[in-house]
Amino acid sequence: MKALLLLILLAVIPARAAMDITRELVAPDQVVPGQPLRIAVTFWTDSWFNPPPQWPDFKIENGSLLTTPLPNQLLSRQKNGISWSGVRLERQVMAWDQGLLRLPAVEVTLSSPNQAPVTVQLPELEKPVAWPEGVEQPDRFLPASNLTLSQKITQFHAGDDGKLHAGDVIERTVTVKASGVLANQIPQLLYAIPGTDTQRLTPVNTLLKSGRGDVEGALREERLRYLPSQAGTVTLPPVKLRWWDTARQQWQVAELPGSSLQVMAARAAGSEAALRGTTDDGIWRMALLIGALVIIALLIWFTRRLLWRSLKYLRYLWRRFWEPVALPELTPTKRGER
């Protein structure tokens, strides 16, 4: 009986779960400004999490956290003979200039229902950041672990002869696919050229993700339409992109070939110009309007008697509705004869 009471007492006593938190900076040996790094914060417990872990607040010097969503991970470990379960939260961080990327030491207090608060001291983390040799334009500096360029040139003709004339459109699409980079770090690649007007379309940025949803890089598609205004040769220049290879720690140059296109004189006034210069549309619209008025007039003439009767009946109903109705006299007329 005593053993049963002891078991019941142990069952109703709330469990005292142990809690812990660790923090690490995931970065290669050499880091350059603009290179995305990762900060991993792992919450540990030997029971369960209630409520779910949230990203703690701490300062970052010479850098800032990025908003790129990263998936959480479930971990486990053995420590002092105890099995721990962990939830690993990751965020990207980036240093914008050379110096020391520093995460000062901070205290984080963990709380859970029916548990006493636990305060954990997170140690300081530091990482040197330096520009590589040969940086020419820091605002166009692009660090990536891998990068490829591709392009597509499309012609749009107003006629069916398959030849490029003044007034037609040349569309050039350049796609940049890079790992370990953000899309907004990729600089503009296409510009206007002499002898043409241009129309720049909004770039399309897409995150590159792995099978488990982890962000690996970015894809940027840039489109520019050239509108040649005169006959001659339109030369699309080659595209060169100098980028820093963070995997090999060296400069790389990605290049796309240019193209020369012959533009013939503008076409003679085509059917669309002839339509704009004539008034056939106006004549047909006027004829249709006159025909409609004639048909309406004929309908009114042949149904004039029915329309007149209908009008008289409506007039009768209107007058009957508004005609006053005499009420019977309610006051006796011979009251004084009594």
Protein backbone atom coordinates (compact mmCIF):
# COMPACT_ATOMS: atom_id res chain seq x y z
CA MET A 1 0.00 0.00 0.00
CA LYS A 2 2.81 2.40 0.84
CA ALA A 3 4.56 1.60 -2.44
CA LEU A 4 1.35 2.39 -4.37
CA LEU A 5 0.94 5.72 -2.56
CA LEU A 6 4.59 6.57 -3.33
CA LEU A 7 4.08 5.87 -7.02
CA ILE A 8 0.95 8.05 -7.10
CA LEU A 9 2.83 10.87 -5.34
CA LEU A 10 5.66 10.70 -7.85
CA ALA A 11 3.18 10.79 -10.74
CA VAL A 12 1.42 13.94 -9.56
CA ILE A 13 4.61 15.86 -8.76
CA PRO A 14 5.42 18.09 -11.81
CA ALA A 15 8.61 17.04 -13.61
CA ARG A 16 11.58 19.37 -13.24
CA ALA A 17 13.06 19.52 -16.72
CA ALA A 18 16.63 20.71 -17.25
CA MET A 19 17.13 23.45 -19.86
CA ASP A 20 20.20 24.78 -21.64
CA ILE A 21 21.11 26.93 -24.67
CA THR A 22 24.20 27.10 -26.88
CA ARG A 23 25.28 29.52 -29.61
CA GLU A 24 27.81 29.18 -32.44
CA LEU A 25 28.96 31.11 -35.48
CA VAL A 26 29.21 28.91 -38.60
CA ALA A 27 31.86 30.51 -40.84
CA PRO A 28 34.88 29.51 -42.98
CA ASP A 29 38.43 30.46 -42.07
CA GLN A 30 38.48 33.55 -44.29
CA VAL A 31 35.48 35.87 -44.45
CA VAL A 32 34.96 38.91 -46.66
CA PRO A 33 32.40 41.72 -46.34
CA GLY A 34 29.04 40.82 -47.83
CA GLN A 35 29.53 37.08 -47.36
CA PRO A 36 26.50 35.52 -45.60
CA LEU A 37 27.39 33.59 -42.44
CA ARG A 38 25.19 31.67 -40.05
CA ILE A 39 24.46 32.02 -36.37
CA ALA A 40 23.03 28.86 -34.81
CA VAL A 41 21.20 28.95 -31.47
CA THR A 42 20.23 25.56 -30.01
CA PHE A 43 17.76 25.11 -27.16
CA TRP A 44 18.26 21.91 -25.13
CA THR A 45 16.02 20.07 -22.69
CA ASP A 46 15.76 16.60 -21.20
CA SER A 47 11.96 16.79 -21.30
CA TRP A 48 9.87 18.84 -23.75
CA PHE A 49 9.60 22.46 -24.82
CA ASN A 50 6.68 24.51 -23.58
CA PRO A 51 6.33 27.04 -25.15
CA PRO A 52 8.36 26.47 -28.37
CA PRO A 53 11.78 28.16 -28.44
CA GLN A 54 12.01 31.69 -29.83
CA TRP A 55 15.05 33.51 -31.24
CA PRO A 56 16.74 35.37 -28.35
CA ASP A 57 17.75 39.03 -28.56
CA PHE A 58 21.46 39.84 -28.60
CA LYS A 59 23.68 42.50 -30.15
CA ILE A 60 25.79 42.11 -33.29
CA GLU A 61 28.69 44.51 -33.86
CA ASN A 62 29.87 45.35 -37.41
CA GLY A 63 27.09 43.25 -38.90
CA SER A 64 23.36 42.65 -39.01
CA LEU A 65 20.92 39.77 -39.13
CA LEU A 66 19.24 38.96 -42.44
CA THR A 67 15.60 38.12 -42.95
CA THR A 68 16.16 35.06 -45.15
CA PRO A 69 13.99 32.24 -43.69
CA LEU A 70 15.96 29.15 -42.68
CA PRO A 71 14.40 25.86 -41.50
CA ASN A 72 14.75 24.67 -37.91
CA GLN A 73 16.48 21.40 -37.06
CA LEU A 74 15.85 18.76 -34.40
CA LEU A 75 18.96 17.44 -32.61
CA SER A 76 19.84 15.07 -29.78
CA ARG A 77 22.89 14.56 -27.55
CA GLN A 78 24.15 12.62 -24.55
CA LYS A 79 25.60 14.66 -21.65
CA ASN A 80 26.39 13.34 -18.16
CA GLY A 81 24.40 10.22 -18.91
CA ILE A 82 21.29 12.22 -19.77
CA SER A 83 19.60 12.29 -23.17
CA TRP A 84 18.94 15.82 -24.38
CA SER A 85 16.63 16.94 -27.18
CA GLY A 86 17.44 20.12 -29.04
CA VAL A 87 15.87 22.60 -31.46
CA ARG A 88 18.43 24.42 -33.61
CA LEU A 89 17.44 27.86 -34.90
CA GLU A 90 19.60 29.46 -37.58
CA ARG A 91 19.78 32.99 -38.97
CA GLN A 92 22.07 34.55 -41.54
CA VAL A 93 24.37 37.41 -40.58
CA MET A 94 26.50 39.63 -42.80
CA ALA A 95 29.34 42.08 -42.17
CA TRP A 96 29.24 45.14 -44.43
CA ASP A 97 32.84 46.27 -43.92
CA GLN A 98 36.15 44.81 -42.84
CA GLY A 99 36.96 44.60 -39.17
CA LEU A 100 35.75 42.28 -36.47
CA LEU A 101 32.32 40.68 -36.58
CA ARG A 102 31.55 40.39 -32.88
CA LEU A 103 28.74 38.91 -30.83
CA PRO A 104 29.18 40.12 -27.22
CA ALA A 105 28.57 37.79 -24.30
CA VAL A 106 24.98 37.83 -23.12
CA GLU A 107 22.76 36.18 -20.52
CA VAL A 108 19.59 34.46 -21.70
CA THR A 109 16.85 33.44 -19.29
CA LEU A 110 14.82 30.37 -20.19
CA SER A 111 11.35 29.91 -18.72
CA SER A 112 8.73 27.18 -18.87
CA PRO A 113 5.38 26.64 -17.10
CA ASN A 114 5.74 25.04 -13.64
CA GLN A 115 9.52 25.47 -13.90
CA ALA A 116 11.92 27.82 -12.22
CA PRO A 117 13.64 30.26 -14.68
CA VAL A 118 17.09 29.17 -15.87
CA THR A 119 19.71 31.78 -16.81
CA VAL A 120 22.42 30.70 -19.27
CA GLN A 121 25.59 32.69 -20.07
CA LEU A 122 26.40 32.72 -23.78
CA PRO A 123 30.13 33.37 -24.42
CA GLU A 124 31.43 36.02 -26.81
CA LEU A 125 31.93 35.10 -30.47
CA GLU A 126 34.28 36.91 -32.88
CA LYS A 127 35.25 36.57 -36.55
CA PRO A 128 37.77 38.72 -38.49
CA VAL A 129 36.46 40.15 -41.77
CA ALA A 130 38.78 41.61 -44.44
CA TRP A 131 38.59 42.77 -48.06
CA PRO A 132 40.55 40.59 -50.49
CA GLU A 133 43.37 42.13 -52.50
CA GLY A 134 42.36 43.71 -55.78
CA VAL A 135 38.98 45.13 -54.78
CA GLU A 136 38.17 47.89 -57.28
CA GLN A 137 34.53 48.77 -56.55
CA PRO A 138 33.31 47.82 -53.07
CA ASP A 139 29.73 48.63 -54.06
CA ARG A 140 29.87 46.00 -56.84
CA PHE A 141 31.84 43.43 -54.83
CA LEU A 142 30.15 40.04 -55.16
CA PRO A 143 31.31 37.13 -52.98
CA ALA A 144 29.89 33.71 -53.89
CA SER A 145 30.92 30.08 -53.60
CA ASN A 146 29.74 29.33 -57.16
CA LEU A 147 28.33 31.44 -60.01
CA THR A 148 27.09 30.84 -63.56
CA LEU A 149 25.83 33.21 -66.28
CA SER A 150 23.46 32.49 -69.14
CA GLN A 151 21.61 34.61 -71.67
CA LYS A 152 18.85 34.53 -74.29
CA ILE A 153 18.40 37.02 -77.15
CA THR A 154 14.93 37.20 -78.70
CA GLN A 155 13.73 39.26 -81.65
CA PHE A 156 10.15 40.50 -82.02
CA HIS A 157 9.15 41.45 -85.59
CA ALA A 158 6.15 43.52 -86.63
CA GLY A 159 6.08 41.74 -90.02
CA ASP A 160 6.29 38.19 -91.31
CA ASP A 161 9.51 38.50 -93.29
CA GLY A 162 11.67 37.34 -90.35
CA LYS A 163 14.00 40.34 -90.69
CA LEU A 164 14.81 42.99 -88.13
CA HIS A 165 13.64 46.49 -89.03
CA ALA A 166 13.72 49.81 -87.24
CA GLY A 167 10.79 49.80 -84.83
CA ASP A 168 11.12 46.10 -83.98
CA VAL A 169 12.23 44.87 -80.55
CA ILE A 170 15.33 43.00 -79.35
CA GLU A 171 14.99 41.48 -75.89
CA ARG A 172 18.08 40.32 -73.99
CA THR A 173 17.63 38.15 -70.91
CA VAL A 174 20.58 37.49 -68.59
CA THR A 175 20.28 34.96 -65.75
CA VAL A 176 22.72 34.86 -62.82
CA LYS A 177 22.71 31.73 -60.64
CA ALA A 178 24.94 31.99 -57.57
CA SER A 179 25.48 30.04 -54.35
CA GLY A 180 26.18 31.65 -51.01
CA VAL A 181 24.87 35.04 -52.09
CA LEU A 182 21.77 37.21 -51.84
CA ALA A 183 19.92 38.32 -54.97
CA ASN A 184 20.17 42.02 -54.12
CA GLN A 185 23.98 41.74 -54.04
CA ILE A 186 24.14 40.94 -57.76
CA PRO A 187 24.86 44.21 -59.60
CA GLN A 188 23.07 45.48 -62.70
CA LEU A 189 24.47 43.89 -65.87
CA LEU A 190 22.50 45.33 -68.81
CA TYR A 191 22.62 48.95 -69.94
CA ALA A 192 21.36 51.07 -72.86
CA ILE A 193 23.46 51.24 -76.02
CA PRO A 194 23.72 54.04 -78.65
CA GLY A 195 21.18 54.05 -81.46
CA THR A 196 18.38 52.41 -79.48
CA ASP A 197 15.77 53.26 -76.92
CA THR A 198 15.45 50.79 -74.05
CA GLN A 199 12.75 49.38 -71.83
CA ARG A 200 13.92 47.78 -68.58
CA LEU A 201 11.68 45.13 -67.09
CA THR A 202 11.53 44.43 -63.38
CA PRO A 203 14.22 41.86 -62.39
CA VAL A 204 12.98 38.54 -61.05
CA ASN A 205 14.74 37.26 -57.91
CA THR A 206 14.33 33.68 -56.69
CA LEU A 207 15.83 31.85 -53.71
CA LEU A 208 17.68 28.60 -54.46
CA LYS A 209 16.71 25.96 -51.92
CA SER A 210 17.79 22.42 -51.20
CA GLY A 211 15.47 19.45 -50.76
CA ARG A 212 14.86 20.18 -47.07
CA GLY A 213 14.14 23.87 -47.73
CA ASP A 214 17.56 25.21 -46.78
CA VAL A 215 18.56 28.37 -48.69
CA GLU A 216 21.68 27.80 -50.78
CA GLY A 217 21.82 30.92 -52.94
CA ALA A 218 19.85 33.08 -55.34
CA LEU A 219 18.85 33.34 -58.99
CA ARG A 220 18.40 36.74 -60.64
CA GLU A 221 16.87 37.23 -64.09
CA GLU A 222 17.40 40.62 -65.72
CA ARG A 223 15.65 41.66 -68.96
CA LEU A 224 16.23 44.68 -71.18
CA ARG A 225 14.43 45.48 -74.43
CA TYR A 226 16.28 47.41 -77.15
CA LEU A 227 14.18 49.43 -79.59
CA PRO A 228 16.29 50.33 -82.65
CA SER A 229 15.16 53.64 -84.12
CA GLN A 230 17.14 53.64 -87.38
CA ALA A 231 18.74 51.30 -89.90
CA GLY A 232 22.27 50.06 -89.25
CA THR A 233 24.03 47.63 -86.96
CA VAL A 234 23.03 47.09 -83.34
CA THR A 235 25.89 45.66 -81.33
CA LEU A 236 25.02 44.06 -78.02
CA PRO A 237 28.18 44.28 -75.91
CA PRO A 238 29.58 41.28 -74.02
CA VAL A 239 28.67 41.00 -70.36
CA LYS A 240 31.42 40.56 -67.78
CA LEU A 241 30.93 39.98 -64.09
CA ARG A 242 33.94 39.91 -61.77
CA TRP A 243 33.22 38.03 -58.56
CA TRP A 244 35.12 36.71 -55.57
CA ASP A 245 35.19 32.93 -55.23
CA THR A 246 34.84 32.28 -51.50
CA ALA A 247 35.48 28.54 -51.98
CA ARG A 248 38.85 28.98 -53.76
CA GLN A 249 39.69 32.41 -52.33
CA GLN A 250 40.42 33.94 -55.73
CA TRP A 251 38.91 36.26 -58.34
CA GLN A 252 36.76 34.84 -61.12
CA VAL A 253 35.29 36.47 -64.24
CA ALA A 254 32.00 35.23 -65.70
CA GLU A 255 31.46 36.39 -69.29
CA LEU A 256 28.71 36.27 -71.90
CA PRO A 257 29.42 36.93 -75.60
CA GLY A 258 27.94 39.92 -77.38
CA SER A 259 26.06 39.91 -80.68
CA SER A 260 25.79 42.13 -83.78
CA LEU A 261 22.38 42.44 -85.43
CA GLN A 262 21.61 44.10 -88.75
CA VAL A 263 18.66 46.47 -88.68
CA MET A 264 16.92 47.36 -91.92
CA ALA A 265 14.98 50.53 -92.61
CA ALA A 266 11.55 50.95 -91.12
CA ARG A 267 8.77 49.14 -92.92
CA ALA A 268 6.36 51.04 -95.17
CA ALA A 269 3.05 51.99 -93.63
CA GLY A 270 1.39 48.66 -92.89
CA SER A 271 -2.20 47.74 -92.32
CA GLU A 272 -2.14 49.09 -88.77
CA ALA A 273 -0.95 52.49 -90.04
CA ALA A 274 -3.59 52.45 -92.79
CA LEU A 275 -6.28 51.80 -90.21
CA ARG A 276 -5.08 54.72 -88.17
CA GLY A 277 -5.10 57.01 -91.23
CA THR A 278 -8.60 56.25 -92.59
CA THR A 279 -12.09 57.08 -91.35
CA ASP A 280 -13.85 53.85 -92.39
CA ASP A 281 -14.51 53.06 -88.77
CA GLY A 282 -16.28 56.37 -88.29
CA ILE A 283 -18.45 55.91 -91.38
CA TRP A 284 -19.56 52.44 -90.30
CA ARG A 285 -20.40 53.63 -86.81
CA MET A 286 -22.50 56.51 -88.18
CA ALA A 287 -24.33 54.13 -90.55
CA LEU A 288 -25.11 51.74 -87.68
CA LEU A 289 -26.39 54.61 -85.54
CA ILE A 290 -28.69 55.91 -88.32
CA GLY A 291 -29.99 52.41 -89.01
CA ALA A 292 -30.80 51.92 -85.31
CA LEU A 293 -32.70 55.23 -85.18
CA VAL A 294 -34.72 54.30 -88.29
CA ILE A 295 -35.70 50.92 -86.80
CA ILE A 296 -36.78 52.56 -83.54
CA ALA A 297 -38.88 55.12 -85.46
CA LEU A 298 -40.61 52.38 -87.46
CA LEU A 299 -41.41 50.42 -84.32
CA ILE A 300 -42.96 53.49 -82.73
CA TRP A 301 -45.08 54.18 -85.88
CA PHE A 302 -46.50 50.68 -86.19
CA THR A 303 -47.28 50.42 -82.47
CA ARG A 304 -48.56 53.97 -82.03
CA ARG A 305 -52.13 52.91 -81.13
CA LEU A 306 -50.95 50.43 -78.53
CA LEU A 307 -48.58 52.99 -77.11
CA TRP A 308 -51.35 55.61 -76.97
CA ARG A 309 -53.69 53.25 -75.10
CA SER A 310 -50.94 52.31 -72.69
CA LEU A 311 -50.20 55.98 -72.05
CA LYS A 312 -53.90 56.74 -71.36
CA TYR A 313 -54.17 53.78 -68.98
CA LEU A 314 -51.09 54.89 -67.06
CA ARG A 315 -52.53 58.40 -66.85
CA TYR A 316 -55.78 56.96 -65.45
CA LEU A 317 -53.92 54.94 -62.83
CA TRP A 318 -51.92 57.98 -61.84
CA ARG A 319 -54.97 60.21 -61.39
CA ARG A 320 -56.85 57.49 -59.50
CA PHE A 321 -53.97 57.09 -57.12
CA TRP A 322 -53.81 60.79 -56.30
CA GLU A 323 -57.60 61.57 -56.42
CA PRO A 324 -58.85 62.51 -52.90
CA VAL A 325 -61.42 60.18 -51.33
CA ALA A 326 -64.33 61.80 -49.46
CA LEU A 327 -64.81 60.49 -45.92
CA PRO A 328 -68.28 60.14 -44.30
CA GLU A 329 -69.36 62.85 -41.87
CA LEU A 330 -68.55 61.81 -38.35
CA THR A 331 -70.20 64.75 -36.53
CA PRO A 332 -74.02 64.67 -35.98
CA THR A 333 -75.77 67.41 -37.97
CA LYS A 334 -78.99 67.66 -35.82
CA ARG A 335 -77.43 67.98 -32.36
CA GLY A 336 -79.33 71.18 -31.50
CA GLU A 337 -82.84 69.78 -32.12
CA ARG A 338 -82.86 67.75 -28.96
